[in-house]
Amino acid sequence: MMPARWQACRNIYDSMDVNAMIRTYPATGHEQSEGIKHDVVDFFNKNIPVN
C-alpha cells in the first residue's frame, strides 16, 4: 500500500476509535501466509469476548 494511503487509513481508524491492528508483511502480495493467518486468529482470540 502506498505510504500516503497507508497513513490515511490509520488516521480514519484512529479517529473512529476502531480496535484494529494495521500491519504490512514484506514481500507479500495478495496471498495469506501461515504467519498472516496466525496473526488474524490471534487478533480475534484477543478481541472477541467469550460468552
C-alpha atoms as a PDB file:
ATOM      1  CA  MET A   1       0.000   0.000   0.000  1.00  0.00           C
ATOM      2  CA  MET A   2       1.311   3.444  -0.809  1.00  0.00           C
ATOM      3  CA  PRO A   3       2.588   5.376   2.256  1.00  0.00           C
ATOM      4  CA  ALA A   4       0.098   8.266   1.933  1.00  0.00           C
ATOM      5  CA  ARG A   5      -2.803   5.855   1.577  1.00  0.00           C
ATOM      6  CA  TRP A   6      -1.499   3.792   4.499  1.00  0.00           C
ATOM      7  CA  GLN A   7      -1.403   6.857   6.762  1.00  0.00           C
ATOM      8  CA  ALA A   8      -4.873   7.972   5.635  1.00  0.00           C
ATOM      9  CA  CYS A   9      -6.273   4.553   6.611  1.00  0.00           C
ATOM     10  CA  ARG A  10      -4.570   4.722  10.006  1.00  0.00           C
ATOM     11  CA  ASN A  11      -5.968   8.219  10.598  1.00  0.00           C
ATOM     12  CA  ILE A  12      -9.506   7.085   9.811  1.00  0.00           C
ATOM     13  CA  TYR A  13      -9.266   4.073  12.123  1.00  0.00           C
ATOM     14  CA  ASP A  14      -7.778   6.219  14.905  1.00  0.00           C
ATOM     15  CA  SER A  15     -10.426   8.952  14.543  1.00  0.00           C
ATOM     16  CA  MET A  16     -13.202   6.348  14.785  1.00  0.00           C
ATOM     17  CA  ASP A  17     -11.542   4.617  17.762  1.00  0.00           C
ATOM     18  CA  VAL A  18     -11.619   1.311  15.872  1.00  0.00           C
ATOM     19  CA  ASN A  19      -9.910  -1.595  17.600  1.00  0.00           C
ATOM     20  CA  ALA A  20      -7.678  -2.688  14.745  1.00  0.00           C
ATOM     21  CA  MET A  21      -4.115  -3.678  14.089  1.00  0.00           C
ATOM     22  CA  ILE A  22      -2.667  -2.431  10.823  1.00  0.00           C
ATOM     23  CA  ARG A  23       0.356  -4.373   9.686  1.00  0.00           C
ATOM     24  CA  THR A  24       2.246  -4.948   6.467  1.00  0.00           C
ATOM     25  CA  TYR A  25       4.190  -8.052   5.600  1.00  0.00           C
ATOM     26  CA  PRO A  26       7.330  -7.653   3.465  1.00  0.00           C
ATOM     27  CA  ALA A  27       7.359  -9.377   0.073  1.00  0.00           C
ATOM     28  CA  THR A  28       3.691 -10.349   0.405  1.00  0.00           C
ATOM     29  CA  GLY A  29       1.119  -9.698  -2.283  1.00  0.00           C
ATOM     30  CA  HIS A  30      -2.461 -10.886  -2.079  1.00  0.00           C
ATOM     31  CA  GLU A  31      -1.635 -14.316  -0.689  1.00  0.00           C
ATOM     32  CA  GLN A  32      -2.010 -15.126   3.009  1.00  0.00           C
ATOM     33  CA  SER A  33       0.882 -16.977   4.553  1.00  0.00           C
ATOM     34  CA  GLU A  34       0.521 -19.181   7.608  1.00  0.00           C
ATOM     35  CA  GLY A  35       2.072 -16.355   9.646  1.00  0.00           C
ATOM     36  CA  ILE A  36      -0.605 -13.922   8.487  1.00  0.00           C
ATOM     37  CA  LYS A  37      -3.368 -16.416   9.237  1.00  0.00           C
ATOM     38  CA  HIS A  38      -1.906 -16.957  12.697  1.00  0.00           C
ATOM     39  CA  ASP A  39      -1.846 -13.208  13.343  1.00  0.00           C
ATOM     40  CA  VAL A  40      -5.504 -12.868  12.300  1.00  0.00           C
ATOM     41  CA  VAL A  41      -6.639 -15.735  14.533  1.00  0.00           C
ATOM     42  CA  ASP A  42      -4.553 -14.369  17.409  1.00  0.00           C
ATOM     43  CA  PHE A  43      -6.134 -10.917  16.994  1.00  0.00           C
ATOM     44  CA  PHE A  44      -9.649 -12.364  17.064  1.00  0.00           C
ATOM     45  CA  ASN A  45      -8.868 -14.541  20.060  1.00  0.00           C
ATOM     46  CA  LYS A  46      -7.645 -11.496  21.974  1.00  0.00           C
ATOM     47  CA  ASN A  47     -10.511  -9.191  20.969  1.00  0.00           C
ATOM     48  CA  ILE A  48     -13.706 -11.231  20.745  1.00  0.00           C
ATOM     49  CA  PRO A  49     -15.307 -11.812  24.130  1.00  0.00           C
ATOM     50  CA  VAL A  50     -16.056 -15.393  25.093  1.00  0.00           C
ATOM     51  CA  ASN A  51     -19.561 -15.904  26.468  1.00  0.00           C
END
